[in-house]
Amino acid sequence: EMKFTFHGKNTSKNQWESILRIGEYGNGTDPGCDEHGNRYPGLFILPSKPQLQVSLSDKTECWFVIEKHYDLEINIMYHLIIQYNQTYATVSISTMNTITN
C-alpha cells in the first residue's frame, strides 16, 4: 500500500519511467527474469502517455502486467493497494483529495 502524487514525466523523450520496482538488481545486459525482469511489484509510467503500468512477477511469468493503462493526472494524489499471493493478484487505485487527506 502506498500513496503518491504524479507530477508529470521527468523526460520529454518517449522512455519508460519507474516509480518503484522491487526485485533483483541486474546489470542491464539481460532483460529476462534473472535481471530487471523481476517485479515484486513494479510501477512504471508508459513511454508515450502519462499512464501507470503495474507489473508483478511470479515463478512462471516475470513480466506479468496487472494494470496496463491507468490514466494519471498531474498534481493528483493516488492511493494504491496491491494484494497478492500464490493464487491471486488485485490492484486498487483511487484518487485522494490532497487538501483533506
C-alpha atoms as a PDB file:
ATOM      1  CA  GLU A   1       0.000   0.000   0.000  1.00  0.00           C
ATOM      2  CA  MET A   2       1.294   3.452  -0.859  1.00  0.00           C
ATOM      3  CA  LYS A   3       0.299   6.995  -1.720  1.00  0.00           C
ATOM      4  CA  PHE A   4       1.959   9.051  -4.436  1.00  0.00           C
ATOM      5  CA  THR A   5       1.425  12.307  -6.290  1.00  0.00           C
ATOM      6  CA  PHE A   6       2.072  12.344 -10.019  1.00  0.00           C
ATOM      7  CA  HIS A   7       3.990  15.494 -11.008  1.00  0.00           C
ATOM      8  CA  GLY A   8       4.413  14.576 -14.672  1.00  0.00           C
ATOM      9  CA  LYS A   9       7.078  12.739 -16.589  1.00  0.00           C
ATOM     10  CA  ASN A  10      10.713  13.628 -15.954  1.00  0.00           C
ATOM     11  CA  THR A  11      11.715  13.494 -19.579  1.00  0.00           C
ATOM     12  CA  SER A  12      10.218  14.673 -22.842  1.00  0.00           C
ATOM     13  CA  LYS A  13      11.617  11.594 -24.609  1.00  0.00           C
ATOM     14  CA  ASN A  14       9.467   8.515 -25.139  1.00  0.00           C
ATOM     15  CA  GLN A  15      11.096   6.454 -22.385  1.00  0.00           C
ATOM     16  CA  TRP A  16       9.766   4.260 -19.593  1.00  0.00           C
ATOM     17  CA  GLU A  17       9.899   5.885 -16.169  1.00  0.00           C
ATOM     18  CA  SER A  18       9.961   3.944 -12.928  1.00  0.00           C
ATOM     19  CA  ILE A  19       8.071   4.855  -9.765  1.00  0.00           C
ATOM     20  CA  LEU A  20       9.031   1.698  -7.872  1.00  0.00           C
ATOM     21  CA  ARG A  21      10.485  -1.705  -8.637  1.00  0.00           C
ATOM     22  CA  ILE A  22      11.249  -4.297  -6.002  1.00  0.00           C
ATOM     23  CA  GLY A  23      13.304  -7.154  -7.375  1.00  0.00           C
ATOM     24  CA  GLU A  24      16.734  -8.445  -8.192  1.00  0.00           C
ATOM     25  CA  TYR A  25      19.210  -5.867  -9.408  1.00  0.00           C
ATOM     26  CA  GLY A  26      20.596  -6.634 -12.843  1.00  0.00           C
ATOM     27  CA  ASN A  27      23.496  -5.197 -14.764  1.00  0.00           C
ATOM     28  CA  GLY A  28      21.249  -4.238 -17.651  1.00  0.00           C
ATOM     29  CA  THR A  29      22.542  -6.817 -20.128  1.00  0.00           C
ATOM     30  CA  ASP A  30      19.869  -9.479 -19.555  1.00  0.00           C
ATOM     31  CA  PRO A  31      16.228  -8.389 -19.933  1.00  0.00           C
ATOM     32  CA  GLY A  32      14.988 -11.733 -18.586  1.00  0.00           C
ATOM     33  CA  CYS A  33      13.687 -12.963 -15.258  1.00  0.00           C
ATOM     34  CA  ASP A  34      17.174 -13.215 -13.737  1.00  0.00           C
ATOM     35  CA  GLU A  35      17.775  -9.496 -14.098  1.00  0.00           C
ATOM     36  CA  HIS A  36      15.499  -6.468 -14.359  1.00  0.00           C
ATOM     37  CA  GLY A  37      12.508  -8.633 -15.285  1.00  0.00           C
ATOM     38  CA  ASN A  38      11.813  -9.278 -11.601  1.00  0.00           C
ATOM     39  CA  ARG A  39       8.970  -7.144 -10.266  1.00  0.00           C
ATOM     40  CA  TYR A  40       7.625  -7.708  -6.735  1.00  0.00           C
ATOM     41  CA  PRO A  41       5.924  -5.326  -7.723  1.00  0.00           C
ATOM     42  CA  GLY A  42       6.974  -2.775 -10.336  1.00  0.00           C
ATOM     43  CA  LEU A  43       5.227   0.543 -11.053  1.00  0.00           C
ATOM     44  CA  PHE A  44       6.073   2.286 -14.306  1.00  0.00           C
ATOM     45  CA  ILE A  45       4.933   5.251 -16.411  1.00  0.00           C
ATOM     46  CA  LEU A  46       4.417   4.350 -20.071  1.00  0.00           C
ATOM     47  CA  PRO A  47       6.798   5.926 -22.603  1.00  0.00           C
ATOM     48  CA  SER A  48       4.317   7.870 -24.691  1.00  0.00           C
ATOM     49  CA  LYS A  49       1.485   8.660 -22.236  1.00  0.00           C
ATOM     50  CA  PRO A  50       1.004   9.572 -18.565  1.00  0.00           C
ATOM     51  CA  GLN A  51      -0.367   6.135 -17.766  1.00  0.00           C
ATOM     52  CA  LEU A  52       0.540   3.722 -14.982  1.00  0.00           C
ATOM     53  CA  GLN A  53       1.556   0.115 -15.552  1.00  0.00           C
ATOM     54  CA  VAL A  54       1.592  -2.248 -12.562  1.00  0.00           C
ATOM     55  CA  SER A  55       3.680  -5.402 -13.021  1.00  0.00           C
ATOM     56  CA  LEU A  56       4.044  -8.361 -10.701  1.00  0.00           C
ATOM     57  CA  SER A  57       6.332 -11.356 -11.197  1.00  0.00           C
ATOM     58  CA  ASP A  58       5.600 -14.926 -10.240  1.00  0.00           C
ATOM     59  CA  LYS A  59       7.542 -18.146 -10.713  1.00  0.00           C
ATOM     60  CA  THR A  60       6.294 -18.697 -14.268  1.00  0.00           C
ATOM     61  CA  GLU A  61       5.879 -15.153 -15.627  1.00  0.00           C
ATOM     62  CA  CYS A  62       8.292 -12.417 -14.619  1.00  0.00           C
ATOM     63  CA  TRP A  63       6.736  -9.822 -16.965  1.00  0.00           C
ATOM     64  CA  PHE A  64       3.115 -10.260 -15.809  1.00  0.00           C
ATOM     65  CA  VAL A  65       1.205  -6.969 -16.077  1.00  0.00           C
ATOM     66  CA  ILE A  66      -1.793  -6.469 -13.781  1.00  0.00           C
ATOM     67  CA  GLU A  67      -2.827  -2.987 -14.906  1.00  0.00           C
ATOM     68  CA  LYS A  68      -1.625  -1.555 -18.208  1.00  0.00           C
ATOM     69  CA  HIS A  69      -3.192   1.805 -18.833  1.00  0.00           C
ATOM     70  CA  TYR A  70      -4.379   3.625 -15.731  1.00  0.00           C
ATOM     71  CA  ASP A  71      -4.525   7.322 -16.672  1.00  0.00           C
ATOM     72  CA  LEU A  72      -2.631   9.672 -14.351  1.00  0.00           C
ATOM     73  CA  GLU A  73      -3.314  13.363 -13.903  1.00  0.00           C
ATOM     74  CA  ILE A  74      -0.680  15.907 -12.863  1.00  0.00           C
ATOM     75  CA  ASN A  75      -0.701  17.013  -9.199  1.00  0.00           C
ATOM     76  CA  ILE A  76      -3.259  14.397  -8.165  1.00  0.00           C
ATOM     77  CA  MET A  77      -2.546  12.139  -5.183  1.00  0.00           C
ATOM     78  CA  TYR A  78      -3.219   8.434  -5.720  1.00  0.00           C
ATOM     79  CA  HIS A  79      -3.767   5.697  -3.173  1.00  0.00           C
ATOM     80  CA  LEU A  80      -2.527   2.344  -4.463  1.00  0.00           C
ATOM     81  CA  ILE A  81      -3.140  -1.031  -2.833  1.00  0.00           C
ATOM     82  CA  ILE A  82      -1.626  -4.199  -4.294  1.00  0.00           C
ATOM     83  CA  GLN A  83      -2.536  -7.539  -2.744  1.00  0.00           C
ATOM     84  CA  TYR A  84      -1.265 -10.871  -3.984  1.00  0.00           C
ATOM     85  CA  ASN A  85      -0.383 -14.399  -3.030  1.00  0.00           C
ATOM     86  CA  GLN A  86       0.255 -17.637  -4.947  1.00  0.00           C
ATOM     87  CA  THR A  87      -3.259 -17.753  -6.446  1.00  0.00           C
ATOM     88  CA  TYR A  88      -4.481 -14.185  -6.994  1.00  0.00           C
ATOM     89  CA  ALA A  89      -3.436 -10.574  -7.504  1.00  0.00           C
ATOM     90  CA  THR A  90      -5.549  -7.441  -7.176  1.00  0.00           C
ATOM     91  CA  VAL A  91      -4.838  -3.753  -7.621  1.00  0.00           C
ATOM     92  CA  SER A  92      -6.922  -0.914  -6.218  1.00  0.00           C
ATOM     93  CA  ILE A  93      -6.165   2.650  -7.355  1.00  0.00           C
ATOM     94  CA  SER A  94      -8.102   5.673  -6.169  1.00  0.00           C
ATOM     95  CA  THR A  95      -7.586   9.416  -6.159  1.00  0.00           C
ATOM     96  CA  MET A  96      -7.373  11.415  -2.967  1.00  0.00           C
ATOM     97  CA  ASN A  97      -8.229  14.975  -2.036  1.00  0.00           C
ATOM     98  CA  THR A  98      -4.801  16.386  -1.241  1.00  0.00           C
ATOM     99  CA  ILE A  99      -6.267  19.119   0.955  1.00  0.00           C
ATOM    100  CA  THR A 100      -8.124  16.881   3.422  1.00  0.00           C
ATOM    101  CA  ASN A 101      -6.247  13.541   3.212  1.00  0.00           C
END
